[in-house]
Amino acid sequence: MKNTIAVLALSSFFVFSACKKTESNNINETEAAAPEKFTVDSVKISDSTKLSDSLTVKYTSKMLLFPTVKDKKLLDSIYFTEKNIGDFSREGLLNYLQKSKNEYFNNIRKDSKDWISDISFSQEWYSDTAMKVRSNTNDYLQIEYFWASYEGGAHDNYGYSERVFDLKNNKKLELKDITSMPKEKLEALLMKNINKTNSGTTDDKGEVNNSEMLLVDKIPATENFYFDDKNLYFHYSPYEITAFAAGDITIPVSWAELKGTLTPELMKRMKIK
């Protein structure tokens, strides 16, 4: 009888242990299957150096950091404005920015040797670059890149780049992934919509339309685009299609205007009817 009880107790122990082990394995499998949450962080460096009594040089740069993005080809595309980063960790990006800052200061110092004494009034030259997330919707990560600089002359210069990244397929989105509309027709729509988003430029007669400041006969449909639930937007930097006074110009093209040419995947993911 005692032997029977002992066998039953031992059997119960093994059954209990097996259940616990199965539960534990299921928990681990569930945890392993859970997707890593997409996160965005940033690193920034800002410094200045005085090259003479009349010239100060400033360097500022902000880069976004994507800890959950592991695809190297995609990361290379995200950081297309820079070359040979290699290490996309926080420390790696900070080291890269530190190196870029030192190179910028050293180049200005070297180039200014012959003329720096001719500067007769106080000036601050600068280089400023930045990245910001426009949106991250339906696995479309949209990033705006900004740069500005001043190294003497009548005014500073600045510009923008726009990129959309397909996180689902680990690639940069191209215009052909949006619409099959021929470029000529798309460019006609851009010309038609040039004044839909006014730059805010004015003269002594009042507001000036973007079309009045055009430097080109045809507005190119570039890869410098982004979108939302209503429109596809093309972003142009100063001097790209208009005079500097117009600033940067954004031209919308509605999804309705592109109806019949939109790709099925874009329509499905952006819920375009």
C-alpha atoms as a PDB file:
ATOM      1  CA  MET A   1       0.000   0.000   0.000  1.00  0.00           C
ATOM      2  CA  LYS A   2       2.802   2.363   0.960  1.00  0.00           C
ATOM      3  CA  ASN A   3       4.575   1.520  -2.317  1.00  0.00           C
ATOM      4  CA  THR A   4       1.400   2.284  -4.278  1.00  0.00           C
ATOM      5  CA  ILE A   5       1.019   5.690  -2.580  1.00  0.00           C
ATOM      6  CA  ALA A   6       4.683   6.473  -3.238  1.00  0.00           C
ATOM      7  CA  VAL A   7       4.333   5.618  -6.955  1.00  0.00           C
ATOM      8  CA  LEU A   8       1.197   7.750  -7.259  1.00  0.00           C
ATOM      9  CA  ALA A   9       2.893  10.688  -5.526  1.00  0.00           C
ATOM     10  CA  LEU A  10       5.944  10.411  -7.777  1.00  0.00           C
ATOM     11  CA  SER A  11       3.749  10.214 -10.872  1.00  0.00           C
ATOM     12  CA  SER A  12       1.850  13.341  -9.799  1.00  0.00           C
ATOM     13  CA  PHE A  13       5.159  15.172  -9.312  1.00  0.00           C
ATOM     14  CA  PHE A  14       6.308  14.333 -12.865  1.00  0.00           C
ATOM     15  CA  VAL A  15       2.940  15.357 -14.368  1.00  0.00           C
ATOM     16  CA  PHE A  16       3.046  18.667 -12.441  1.00  0.00           C
ATOM     17  CA  SER A  17       6.648  19.283 -13.516  1.00  0.00           C
ATOM     18  CA  ALA A  18       5.807  18.538 -17.145  1.00  0.00           C
ATOM     19  CA  CYS A  19       2.866  20.981 -17.034  1.00  0.00           C
ATOM     20  CA  LYS A  20       5.051  23.698 -15.510  1.00  0.00           C
ATOM     21  CA  LYS A  21       7.710  23.099 -18.147  1.00  0.00           C
ATOM     22  CA  THR A  22       5.113  23.278 -20.944  1.00  0.00           C
ATOM     23  CA  GLU A  23       3.663  26.491 -19.515  1.00  0.00           C
ATOM     24  CA  SER A  24       7.155  27.953 -19.254  1.00  0.00           C
ATOM     25  CA  ASN A  25       7.951  27.032 -22.854  1.00  0.00           C
ATOM     26  CA  ASN A  26       4.685  28.582 -24.048  1.00  0.00           C
ATOM     27  CA  ILE A  27       5.470  31.824 -22.215  1.00  0.00           C
ATOM     28  CA  ASN A  28       8.937  31.994 -23.756  1.00  0.00           C
ATOM     29  CA  GLU A  29       7.559  31.286 -27.217  1.00  0.00           C
ATOM     30  CA  THR A  30       4.953  34.039 -26.788  1.00  0.00           C
ATOM     31  CA  GLU A  31       7.551  36.527 -25.610  1.00  0.00           C
ATOM     32  CA  ALA A  32       9.888  35.639 -28.477  1.00  0.00           C
ATOM     33  CA  ALA A  33       7.097  36.098 -31.024  1.00  0.00           C
ATOM     34  CA  ALA A  34       6.141  39.576 -29.763  1.00  0.00           C
ATOM     35  CA  PRO A  35       7.427  42.206 -32.243  1.00  0.00           C
ATOM     36  CA  GLU A  36       9.884  44.785 -30.969  1.00  0.00           C
ATOM     37  CA  LYS A  37       8.147  48.142 -30.536  1.00  0.00           C
ATOM     38  CA  PHE A  38       9.318  50.769 -33.044  1.00  0.00           C
ATOM     39  CA  THR A  39      11.126  53.586 -31.243  1.00  0.00           C
ATOM     40  CA  VAL A  40      12.775  56.839 -32.287  1.00  0.00           C
ATOM     41  CA  ASP A  41      15.468  58.712 -30.390  1.00  0.00           C
ATOM     42  CA  SER A  42      17.976  61.389 -31.385  1.00  0.00           C
ATOM     43  CA  VAL A  43      21.525  62.601 -30.861  1.00  0.00           C
ATOM     44  CA  LYS A  44      22.685  66.198 -31.149  1.00  0.00           C
ATOM     45  CA  ILE A  45      25.934  68.099 -31.067  1.00  0.00           C
ATOM     46  CA  SER A  46      26.363  71.882 -30.954  1.00  0.00           C
ATOM     47  CA  ASP A  47      29.666  73.740 -30.647  1.00  0.00           C
ATOM     48  CA  SER A  48      31.396  76.909 -31.780  1.00  0.00           C
ATOM     49  CA  THR A  49      34.929  78.199 -32.144  1.00  0.00           C
ATOM     50  CA  LYS A  50      36.329  81.709 -32.463  1.00  0.00           C
ATOM     51  CA  LEU A  51      38.775  81.911 -35.375  1.00  0.00           C
ATOM     52  CA  SER A  52      39.489  85.619 -34.929  1.00  0.00           C
ATOM     53  CA  ASP A  53      38.082  88.723 -33.244  1.00  0.00           C
ATOM     54  CA  SER A  54      35.715  89.127 -36.169  1.00  0.00           C
ATOM     55  CA  LEU A  55      34.814  85.523 -37.084  1.00  0.00           C
ATOM     56  CA  THR A  56      33.019  82.879 -35.030  1.00  0.00           C
ATOM     57  CA  VAL A  57      32.064  79.541 -36.556  1.00  0.00           C
ATOM     58  CA  LYS A  58      29.214  77.399 -35.205  1.00  0.00           C
ATOM     59  CA  TYR A  59      28.318  73.788 -35.931  1.00  0.00           C
ATOM     60  CA  THR A  60      24.975  72.175 -35.009  1.00  0.00           C
ATOM     61  CA  SER A  61      23.664  68.806 -36.093  1.00  0.00           C
ATOM     62  CA  LYS A  62      20.788  66.624 -34.942  1.00  0.00           C
ATOM     63  CA  MET A  63      20.394  63.049 -36.156  1.00  0.00           C
ATOM     64  CA  LEU A  64      17.558  60.662 -35.472  1.00  0.00           C
ATOM     65  CA  LEU A  65      18.335  57.299 -33.930  1.00  0.00           C
ATOM     66  CA  PHE A  66      16.317  54.148 -34.728  1.00  0.00           C
ATOM     67  CA  PRO A  67      17.280  51.416 -32.224  1.00  0.00           C
ATOM     68  CA  THR A  68      14.792  48.875 -33.609  1.00  0.00           C
ATOM     69  CA  VAL A  69      15.805  49.183 -37.282  1.00  0.00           C
ATOM     70  CA  LYS A  70      18.386  46.464 -37.997  1.00  0.00           C
ATOM     71  CA  ASP A  71      18.463  46.293 -41.821  1.00  0.00           C
ATOM     72  CA  LYS A  72      21.795  47.870 -42.872  1.00  0.00           C
ATOM     73  CA  LYS A  73      20.672  48.702 -46.399  1.00  0.00           C
ATOM     74  CA  LEU A  74      17.651  50.534 -44.985  1.00  0.00           C
ATOM     75  CA  LEU A  75      19.833  52.370 -42.445  1.00  0.00           C
ATOM     76  CA  ASP A  76      22.252  53.416 -45.208  1.00  0.00           C
ATOM     77  CA  SER A  77      19.281  54.836 -47.087  1.00  0.00           C
ATOM     78  CA  ILE A  78      17.943  56.649 -44.012  1.00  0.00           C
ATOM     79  CA  TYR A  79      21.332  58.319 -43.447  1.00  0.00           C
ATOM     80  CA  PHE A  80      21.871  59.055 -47.144  1.00  0.00           C
ATOM     81  CA  THR A  81      23.073  62.607 -46.433  1.00  0.00           C
ATOM     82  CA  GLU A  82      26.118  61.194 -44.636  1.00  0.00           C
ATOM     83  CA  LYS A  83      28.771  58.795 -45.875  1.00  0.00           C
ATOM     84  CA  ASN A  84      30.383  55.753 -44.274  1.00  0.00           C
ATOM     85  CA  ILE A  85      28.711  55.943 -40.858  1.00  0.00           C
ATOM     86  CA  GLY A  86      29.025  52.203 -40.276  1.00  0.00           C
ATOM     87  CA  ASP A  87      27.994  52.254 -36.612  1.00  0.00           C
ATOM     88  CA  PHE A  88      24.344  53.298 -36.221  1.00  0.00           C
ATOM     89  CA  SER A  89      24.271  53.051 -32.414  1.00  0.00           C
ATOM     90  CA  ARG A  90      23.987  56.148 -30.201  1.00  0.00           C
ATOM     91  CA  GLU A  91      27.722  56.123 -29.539  1.00  0.00           C
ATOM     92  CA  GLY A  92      28.486  55.536 -33.212  1.00  0.00           C
ATOM     93  CA  LEU A  93      26.350  58.481 -34.376  1.00  0.00           C
ATOM     94  CA  LEU A  94      27.769  60.801 -31.712  1.00  0.00           C
ATOM     95  CA  ASN A  95      31.317  59.857 -32.728  1.00  0.00           C
ATOM     96  CA  TYR A  96      30.418  60.522 -36.360  1.00  0.00           C
ATOM     97  CA  LEU A  97      28.997  63.966 -35.535  1.00  0.00           C
ATOM     98  CA  GLN A  98      32.046  64.826 -33.446  1.00  0.00           C
ATOM     99  CA  LYS A  99      34.307  63.904 -36.361  1.00  0.00           C
ATOM    100  CA  SER A 100      32.179  65.931 -38.803  1.00  0.00           C
ATOM    101  CA  LYS A 101      32.292  68.961 -36.509  1.00  0.00           C
ATOM    102  CA  ASN A 102      36.087  68.808 -36.223  1.00  0.00           C
ATOM    103  CA  GLU A 103      36.459  68.481 -40.004  1.00  0.00           C
ATOM    104  CA  TYR A 104      34.178  71.484 -40.552  1.00  0.00           C
ATOM    105  CA  PHE A 105      36.111  73.678 -38.117  1.00  0.00           C
ATOM    106  CA  ASN A 106      39.479  72.559 -39.501  1.00  0.00           C
ATOM    107  CA  ASN A 107      38.453  73.207 -43.112  1.00  0.00           C
ATOM    108  CA  ILE A 108      37.240  76.744 -42.333  1.00  0.00           C
ATOM    109  CA  ARG A 109      40.398  77.431 -40.303  1.00  0.00           C
ATOM    110  CA  LYS A 110      42.615  76.209 -43.152  1.00  0.00           C
ATOM    111  CA  ASP A 111      40.725  78.007 -45.943  1.00  0.00           C
ATOM    112  CA  SER A 112      40.526  81.312 -44.053  1.00  0.00           C
ATOM    113  CA  LYS A 113      44.255  81.817 -43.502  1.00  0.00           C
ATOM    114  CA  ASP A 114      44.694  84.074 -46.537  1.00  0.00           C
ATOM    115  CA  TRP A 115      41.652  86.297 -46.081  1.00  0.00           C
ATOM    116  CA  ILE A 116      40.478  86.210 -42.454  1.00  0.00           C
ATOM    117  CA  SER A 117      42.364  89.429 -41.650  1.00  0.00           C
ATOM    118  CA  ASP A 118      40.301  91.230 -44.319  1.00  0.00           C
ATOM    119  CA  ILE A 119      37.005  90.720 -42.440  1.00  0.00           C
ATOM    120  CA  SER A 120      36.209  94.181 -41.127  1.00  0.00           C
ATOM    121  CA  PHE A 121      33.093  93.464 -39.037  1.00  0.00           C
ATOM    122  CA  SER A 122      31.942  90.731 -36.695  1.00  0.00           C
ATOM    123  CA  GLN A 123      30.382  87.684 -38.375  1.00  0.00           C
ATOM    124  CA  GLU A 124      29.065  84.275 -37.314  1.00  0.00           C
ATOM    125  CA  TRP A 125      29.303  81.535 -39.895  1.00  0.00           C
ATOM    126  CA  TYR A 126      27.472  78.302 -39.292  1.00  0.00           C
ATOM    127  CA  SER A 127      26.493  74.855 -40.489  1.00  0.00           C
ATOM    128  CA  ASP A 128      23.190  73.423 -39.264  1.00  0.00           C
ATOM    129  CA  THR A 129      21.670  70.067 -40.211  1.00  0.00           C
ATOM    130  CA  ALA A 130      18.698  68.245 -38.737  1.00  0.00           C
ATOM    131  CA  MET A 131      16.364  65.306 -39.213  1.00  0.00           C
ATOM    132  CA  LYS A 132      12.769  65.072 -38.028  1.00  0.00           C
ATOM    133  CA  VAL A 133      10.017  62.486 -38.345  1.00  0.00           C
ATOM    134  CA  ARG A 134       7.067  63.865 -40.284  1.00  0.00           C
ATOM    135  CA  SER A 135       4.969  60.805 -39.538  1.00  0.00           C
ATOM    136  CA  ASN A 136       5.049  57.058 -39.038  1.00  0.00           C
ATOM    137  CA  THR A 137       1.740  55.681 -40.281  1.00  0.00           C
ATOM    138  CA  ASN A 138       0.918  52.228 -41.632  1.00  0.00           C
ATOM    139  CA  ASP A 139       4.635  51.322 -41.613  1.00  0.00           C
ATOM    140  CA  TYR A 140       5.492  54.348 -43.776  1.00  0.00           C
ATOM    141  CA  LEU A 141       8.216  56.292 -41.979  1.00  0.00           C
ATOM    142  CA  GLN A 142       8.452  59.827 -43.382  1.00  0.00           C
ATOM    143  CA  ILE A 143      11.543  61.906 -42.581  1.00  0.00           C
ATOM    144  CA  GLU A 144      12.362  65.524 -43.366  1.00  0.00           C
ATOM    145  CA  TYR A 145      16.037  66.491 -43.707  1.00  0.00           C
ATOM    146  CA  PHE A 146      17.037  70.139 -43.267  1.00  0.00           C
ATOM    147  CA  TRP A 147      20.307  71.959 -43.860  1.00  0.00           C
ATOM    148  CA  ALA A 148      21.301  75.597 -43.531  1.00  0.00           C
ATOM    149  CA  SER A 149      24.617  77.409 -43.722  1.00  0.00           C
ATOM    150  CA  TYR A 150      26.231  80.806 -43.919  1.00  0.00           C
ATOM    151  CA  GLU A 151      29.810  81.393 -44.999  1.00  0.00           C
ATOM    152  CA  GLY A 152      29.768  85.041 -46.010  1.00  0.00           C
ATOM    153  CA  GLY A 153      27.760  86.733 -48.752  1.00  0.00           C
ATOM    154  CA  ALA A 154      24.402  88.469 -48.935  1.00  0.00           C
ATOM    155  CA  HIS A 155      22.392  85.808 -47.103  1.00  0.00           C
ATOM    156  CA  ASP A 156      22.462  82.274 -45.799  1.00  0.00           C
ATOM    157  CA  ASN A 157      21.297  79.234 -47.763  1.00  0.00           C
ATOM    158  CA  TYR A 158      19.005  76.400 -46.749  1.00  0.00           C
ATOM    159  CA  GLY A 159      17.197  73.441 -48.207  1.00  0.00           C
ATOM    160  CA  TYR A 160      15.094  70.367 -47.532  1.00  0.00           C
ATOM    161  CA  SER A 161      14.968  66.740 -48.558  1.00  0.00           C
ATOM    162  CA  GLU A 162      11.997  64.431 -47.997  1.00  0.00           C
ATOM    163  CA  ARG A 163      12.115  60.657 -47.859  1.00  0.00           C
ATOM    164  CA  VAL A 164       9.530  57.963 -47.191  1.00  0.00           C
ATOM    165  CA  PHE A 165      10.678  54.550 -45.965  1.00  0.00           C
ATOM    166  CA  ASP A 166       8.632  51.383 -46.192  1.00  0.00           C
ATOM    167  CA  LEU A 167       9.362  49.640 -42.885  1.00  0.00           C
ATOM    168  CA  LYS A 168       7.297  46.644 -43.933  1.00  0.00           C
ATOM    169  CA  ASN A 169       9.538  45.927 -46.940  1.00  0.00           C
ATOM    170  CA  ASN A 170      12.754  47.585 -45.679  1.00  0.00           C
ATOM    171  CA  LYS A 171      13.181  50.020 -48.556  1.00  0.00           C
ATOM    172  CA  LYS A 172      12.988  53.665 -49.580  1.00  0.00           C
ATOM    173  CA  LEU A 173       9.716  54.436 -51.331  1.00  0.00           C
ATOM    174  CA  GLU A 174      10.019  55.762 -54.894  1.00  0.00           C
ATOM    175  CA  LEU A 175       7.508  57.683 -56.951  1.00  0.00           C
ATOM    176  CA  LYS A 176       6.727  54.547 -58.975  1.00  0.00           C
ATOM    177  CA  ASP A 177       5.606  52.902 -55.706  1.00  0.00           C
ATOM    178  CA  ILE A 178       2.968  55.652 -55.384  1.00  0.00           C
ATOM    179  CA  THR A 179       1.580  56.239 -58.863  1.00  0.00           C
ATOM    180  CA  SER A 180       1.898  55.064 -62.435  1.00  0.00           C
ATOM    181  CA  MET A 181       0.874  58.460 -63.827  1.00  0.00           C
ATOM    182  CA  PRO A 182       3.258  59.579 -66.613  1.00  0.00           C
ATOM    183  CA  LYS A 183       5.651  62.328 -65.524  1.00  0.00           C
ATOM    184  CA  GLU A 184       4.313  64.780 -68.085  1.00  0.00           C
ATOM    185  CA  LYS A 185       0.776  64.550 -66.643  1.00  0.00           C
ATOM    186  CA  LEU A 186       2.065  64.743 -63.081  1.00  0.00           C
ATOM    187  CA  GLU A 187       4.135  67.820 -63.925  1.00  0.00           C
ATOM    188  CA  ALA A 188       1.044  69.421 -65.474  1.00  0.00           C
ATOM    189  CA  LEU A 189      -0.786  68.868 -62.163  1.00  0.00           C
ATOM    190  CA  LEU A 190       2.114  70.462 -60.270  1.00  0.00           C
ATOM    191  CA  MET A 191       1.914  73.545 -62.475  1.00  0.00           C
ATOM    192  CA  LYS A 192      -1.876  73.642 -62.014  1.00  0.00           C
ATOM    193  CA  ASN A 193      -1.543  73.425 -58.199  1.00  0.00           C
ATOM    194  CA  ILE A 194       1.469  75.725 -57.756  1.00  0.00           C
ATOM    195  CA  ASN A 195      -0.558  78.386 -55.906  1.00  0.00           C
ATOM    196  CA  LYS A 196      -2.557  76.059 -53.638  1.00  0.00           C
ATOM    197  CA  THR A 197      -0.060  76.460 -50.791  1.00  0.00           C
ATOM    198  CA  ASN A 198       1.143  80.058 -50.754  1.00  0.00           C
ATOM    199  CA  SER A 199       4.660  80.868 -49.554  1.00  0.00           C
ATOM    200  CA  GLY A 200       3.571  84.031 -47.737  1.00  0.00           C
ATOM    201  CA  THR A 201       5.745  86.278 -49.916  1.00  0.00           C
ATOM    202  CA  THR A 202       4.456  89.839 -50.276  1.00  0.00           C
ATOM    203  CA  ASP A 203       5.366  93.038 -52.100  1.00  0.00           C
ATOM    204  CA  ASP A 204       3.993  96.596 -52.041  1.00  0.00           C
ATOM    205  CA  LYS A 205       0.819  95.348 -53.786  1.00  0.00           C
ATOM    206  CA  GLY A 206       0.174  92.523 -51.316  1.00  0.00           C
ATOM    207  CA  GLU A 207       0.519  88.747 -51.513  1.00  0.00           C
ATOM    208  CA  VAL A 208       2.606  87.328 -54.361  1.00  0.00           C
ATOM    209  CA  ASN A 209       1.585  84.030 -55.955  1.00  0.00           C
ATOM    210  CA  ASN A 210       4.180  81.269 -56.263  1.00  0.00           C
ATOM    211  CA  SER A 211       3.586  81.176 -60.030  1.00  0.00           C
ATOM    212  CA  GLU A 212       4.817  84.771 -60.298  1.00  0.00           C
ATOM    213  CA  MET A 213       8.233  83.751 -58.918  1.00  0.00           C
ATOM    214  CA  LEU A 214       8.857  80.648 -61.017  1.00  0.00           C
ATOM    215  CA  LEU A 215      12.324  80.233 -62.506  1.00  0.00           C
ATOM    216  CA  VAL A 216      11.366  77.213 -64.638  1.00  0.00           C
ATOM    217  CA  ASP A 217       8.972  76.522 -67.486  1.00  0.00           C
ATOM    218  CA  LYS A 218       8.192  73.045 -66.165  1.00  0.00           C
ATOM    219  CA  ILE A 219       8.012  71.943 -62.524  1.00  0.00           C
ATOM    220  CA  PRO A 220       9.801  68.584 -62.208  1.00  0.00           C
ATOM    221  CA  ALA A 221       8.134  65.691 -60.399  1.00  0.00           C
ATOM    222  CA  THR A 222      11.041  64.796 -58.123  1.00  0.00           C
ATOM    223  CA  GLU A 223      11.622  62.077 -55.543  1.00  0.00           C
ATOM    224  CA  ASN A 224      11.438  64.787 -52.863  1.00  0.00           C
ATOM    225  CA  PHE A 225       7.927  63.922 -51.678  1.00  0.00           C
ATOM    226  CA  TYR A 226       5.820  62.917 -48.679  1.00  0.00           C
ATOM    227  CA  PHE A 227       2.104  62.236 -48.176  1.00  0.00           C
ATOM    228  CA  ASP A 228      -0.807  62.091 -45.750  1.00  0.00           C
ATOM    229  CA  ASP A 229      -4.355  60.740 -45.964  1.00  0.00           C
ATOM    230  CA  LYS A 230      -5.414  63.421 -48.482  1.00  0.00           C
ATOM    231  CA  ASN A 231      -2.482  64.451 -50.674  1.00  0.00           C
ATOM    232  CA  LEU A 232       0.897  63.667 -52.144  1.00  0.00           C
ATOM    233  CA  TYR A 233       3.222  66.640 -51.509  1.00  0.00           C
ATOM    234  CA  PHE A 234       6.287  67.727 -53.494  1.00  0.00           C
ATOM    235  CA  HIS A 235       8.765  69.886 -51.587  1.00  0.00           C
ATOM    236  CA  TYR A 236      11.132  72.296 -53.368  1.00  0.00           C
ATOM    237  CA  SER A 237      14.038  74.181 -51.797  1.00  0.00           C
ATOM    238  CA  PRO A 238      14.888  77.845 -52.561  1.00  0.00           C
ATOM    239  CA  TYR A 239      16.179  78.377 -56.115  1.00  0.00           C
ATOM    240  CA  GLU A 240      14.973  74.909 -57.157  1.00  0.00           C
ATOM    241  CA  ILE A 241      11.900  76.214 -58.995  1.00  0.00           C
ATOM    242  CA  THR A 242      11.396  79.744 -57.616  1.00  0.00           C
ATOM    243  CA  ALA A 243      13.385  82.793 -56.566  1.00  0.00           C
ATOM    244  CA  PHE A 244      15.020  82.775 -53.127  1.00  0.00           C
ATOM    245  CA  ALA A 245      12.457  85.300 -51.862  1.00  0.00           C
ATOM    246  CA  ALA A 246       9.730  82.678 -52.272  1.00  0.00           C
ATOM    247  CA  GLY A 247      11.442  80.380 -49.795  1.00  0.00           C
ATOM    248  CA  ASP A 248      10.725  76.668 -49.977  1.00  0.00           C
ATOM    249  CA  ILE A 249       7.608  75.657 -51.886  1.00  0.00           C
ATOM    250  CA  THR A 250       5.297  72.705 -51.200  1.00  0.00           C
ATOM    251  CA  ILE A 251       2.828  71.658 -53.913  1.00  0.00           C
ATOM    252  CA  PRO A 252      -0.010  69.228 -53.095  1.00  0.00           C
ATOM    253  CA  VAL A 253      -1.503  66.731 -55.515  1.00  0.00           C
ATOM    254  CA  SER A 254      -4.650  65.113 -54.148  1.00  0.00           C
ATOM    255  CA  TRP A 255      -5.296  61.382 -54.193  1.00  0.00           C
ATOM    256  CA  ALA A 256      -8.457  62.197 -56.191  1.00  0.00           C
ATOM    257  CA  GLU A 257      -6.314  63.776 -58.931  1.00  0.00           C
ATOM    258  CA  LEU A 258      -4.218  60.590 -59.032  1.00  0.00           C
ATOM    259  CA  LYS A 259      -7.228  58.275 -59.061  1.00  0.00           C
ATOM    260  CA  GLY A 260      -6.760  55.248 -61.285  1.00  0.00           C
ATOM    261  CA  THR A 261      -2.955  55.455 -61.137  1.00  0.00           C
ATOM    262  CA  LEU A 262      -2.307  54.731 -57.450  1.00  0.00           C
ATOM    263  CA  THR A 263      -0.637  51.418 -56.610  1.00  0.00           C
ATOM    264  CA  PRO A 264      -2.842  48.794 -54.899  1.00  0.00           C
ATOM    265  CA  GLU A 265      -0.509  48.426 -51.893  1.00  0.00           C
ATOM    266  CA  LEU A 266      -0.482  52.163 -51.176  1.00  0.00           C
ATOM    267  CA  MET A 267      -4.277  52.334 -51.442  1.00  0.00           C
ATOM    268  CA  LYS A 268      -4.698  49.389 -49.091  1.00  0.00           C
ATOM    269  CA  ARG A 269      -2.249  50.553 -46.437  1.00  0.00           C
ATOM    270  CA  MET A 270      -3.326  54.229 -46.543  1.00  0.00           C
ATOM    271  CA  LYS A 271      -7.022  53.257 -46.808  1.00  0.00           C
ATOM    272  CA  ILE A 272      -7.535  55.352 -49.939  1.00  0.00           C
ATOM    273  CA  LYS A 273     -10.928  54.727 -51.572  1.00  0.00           C
END
